[in-house]
Amino acid sequence: MKKFVPYVNMETVKDKNGKIEKFEIRTVTYLPKDSKITTSGEGAIADNVLYRPLTISYTGTSEDFDYFGADFTINRKDVGLLERGVNVKVKSAVASPMARGAEGDATLKDGDEEEGTNVDYEGGLV
């Protein structure tokens, strides 16, 4: 799914004293035109996570594609101890018939890995 995330940009927002307040992650995804997107991954996270998983879920199945923007805000107080960046993933909320198991749940086949786009936080987090 890495091909669906053609653009990821991160801005570090600092206060007047130069201390980091938050990180703004902006993405543009190329998805089916009839898609409705939802995002997840903001807020506090465990201290043992290196890359925060940010997810863009879409529902479209159209043959025509269009660009969709999704923004994420990570507050400095929510960054885990080992966290060094984000990993943006794009997932279909509609399970394809090819990926369905016997119970009808979407499953990954052997050898399939979920790919994402990694973005490291700029500079130190102090």
Protein backbone atom coordinates (compact mmCIF):
# COMPACT_ATOMS: atom_id res chain seq x y z
CA MET A 1 0.00 0.00 0.00
CA LYS A 2 3.02 2.30 0.02
CA LYS A 3 2.08 3.50 -3.47
CA PHE A 4 -1.09 5.11 -2.03
CA VAL A 5 0.96 7.56 0.10
CA PRO A 6 2.75 9.70 -2.49
CA TYR A 7 3.28 12.65 -0.17
CA VAL A 8 4.02 12.92 3.57
CA ASN A 9 5.20 16.15 5.17
CA MET A 10 6.02 16.90 8.79
CA GLU A 11 6.22 20.30 10.43
CA THR A 12 7.69 20.85 13.90
CA VAL A 13 5.74 23.55 15.74
CA LYS A 14 7.75 25.39 18.42
CA ASP A 15 6.76 27.98 21.01
CA LYS A 16 8.38 31.43 21.27
CA ASN A 17 11.21 29.95 23.41
CA GLY A 18 12.07 27.32 20.80
CA LYS A 19 10.60 24.33 22.68
CA ILE A 20 8.70 21.79 20.60
CA GLU A 21 4.94 21.95 21.15
CA LYS A 22 3.66 19.52 18.52
CA PHE A 23 4.27 17.81 15.20
CA GLU A 24 1.92 18.35 12.26
CA ILE A 25 1.94 15.47 9.77
CA ARG A 26 0.23 16.17 6.47
CA THR A 27 -0.45 13.46 3.91
CA VAL A 28 -1.95 13.27 0.46
CA THR A 29 -3.18 9.86 -0.66
CA TYR A 30 -4.26 8.69 -4.10
CA LEU A 31 -7.39 6.61 -3.50
CA PRO A 32 -10.57 5.48 -5.28
CA LYS A 33 -12.72 8.53 -5.99
CA ASP A 34 -15.74 7.30 -3.99
CA SER A 35 -13.66 6.85 -0.80
CA LYS A 36 -14.52 8.13 2.64
CA ILE A 37 -11.38 8.32 4.79
CA THR A 38 -10.86 8.03 8.54
CA THR A 39 -7.61 8.47 10.47
CA SER A 40 -6.23 6.98 13.68
CA GLY A 41 -3.03 7.05 15.73
CA GLU A 42 -3.12 10.41 17.49
CA GLY A 43 -2.88 10.76 21.26
CA ALA A 44 -0.62 9.13 23.85
CA ILE A 45 1.34 5.98 22.97
CA ALA A 46 3.34 3.33 24.86
CA ASP A 47 6.96 4.16 25.72
CA ASN A 48 8.36 1.12 23.85
CA VAL A 49 7.19 2.16 20.36
CA LEU A 50 9.83 3.40 17.88
CA TYR A 51 7.50 4.56 15.09
CA ARG A 52 3.97 5.72 15.88
CA PRO A 53 1.52 3.89 13.60
CA LEU A 54 -0.72 6.41 11.84
CA THR A 55 -3.46 4.84 9.74
CA ILE A 56 -5.59 6.19 6.93
CA SER A 57 -8.56 3.89 6.26
CA TYR A 58 -10.62 4.26 3.09
CA THR A 59 -13.86 2.70 1.86
CA GLY A 60 -13.77 3.34 -1.88
CA THR A 61 -13.90 0.71 -4.62
CA SER A 62 -14.16 2.92 -7.71
CA GLU A 63 -11.99 2.44 -10.78
CA ASP A 64 -11.39 6.22 -10.85
CA PHE A 65 -8.87 7.70 -8.41
CA ASP A 66 -8.50 11.10 -6.76
CA TYR A 67 -6.27 12.80 -4.15
CA PHE A 68 -7.33 12.96 -0.48
CA GLY A 69 -5.64 14.99 2.25
CA ALA A 70 -5.35 13.78 5.85
CA ASP A 71 -3.65 15.63 8.70
CA PHE A 72 -2.38 14.29 12.03
CA THR A 73 -1.34 16.26 15.13
CA ILE A 74 1.05 14.73 17.66
CA ASN A 75 1.45 16.82 20.81
CA ARG A 76 4.91 16.78 22.40
CA LYS A 77 3.49 15.52 25.71
CA ASP A 78 2.07 12.44 23.90
CA VAL A 79 5.43 11.31 22.42
CA GLY A 80 6.74 8.06 23.96
CA LEU A 81 10.24 7.70 25.44
CA LEU A 82 11.66 5.71 22.49
CA GLU A 83 9.46 7.22 19.79
CA ARG A 84 11.53 8.57 16.91
CA GLY A 85 8.96 9.18 14.20
CA VAL A 86 5.77 8.04 12.53
CA ASN A 87 4.81 5.27 10.13
CA VAL A 88 1.88 6.21 7.89
CA LYS A 89 -0.14 3.27 6.56
CA VAL A 90 -3.06 3.21 4.16
CA LYS A 91 -5.60 0.42 4.62
CA SER A 92 -8.81 -0.48 2.87
CA ALA A 93 -11.78 -0.72 5.21
CA VAL A 94 -13.47 -2.91 2.58
CA ALA A 95 -12.14 -6.48 2.63
CA SER A 96 -11.53 -7.84 -0.86
CA PRO A 97 -12.85 -11.32 -1.72
CA MET A 98 -9.27 -12.46 -2.46
CA ALA A 99 -8.13 -11.64 1.10
CA ARG A 100 -11.01 -13.30 2.92
CA GLY A 101 -10.38 -16.34 5.07
CA ALA A 102 -12.81 -19.14 5.84
CA GLU A 103 -14.56 -17.03 8.48
CA GLY A 104 -14.87 -14.04 6.16
CA ASP A 105 -12.31 -11.91 8.00
CA ALA A 106 -9.63 -10.09 6.04
CA THR A 107 -6.27 -11.77 6.57
CA LEU A 108 -2.76 -11.30 5.27
CA LYS A 109 -1.36 -14.17 3.25
CA ASP A 110 2.03 -15.67 4.10
CA GLY A 111 4.79 -13.35 2.95
CA ASP A 112 2.50 -10.31 2.80
CA GLU A 113 3.68 -7.42 4.93
CA GLU A 114 1.96 -4.19 5.63
CA GLU A 115 4.13 -1.38 4.31
CA GLY A 116 4.08 2.19 5.39
CA THR A 117 5.97 5.41 4.96
CA ASN A 118 8.37 6.25 7.81
CA VAL A 119 9.05 9.86 8.78
CA ASP A 120 11.59 10.66 11.52
CA TYR A 121 11.01 13.54 13.92
CA GLU A 122 13.27 16.47 13.14
CA GLY A 123 16.03 17.30 15.59
CA GLY A 124 16.03 16.35 19.25
CA LEU A 125 12.87 16.10 21.29
CA VAL A 126 14.27 17.95 24.30
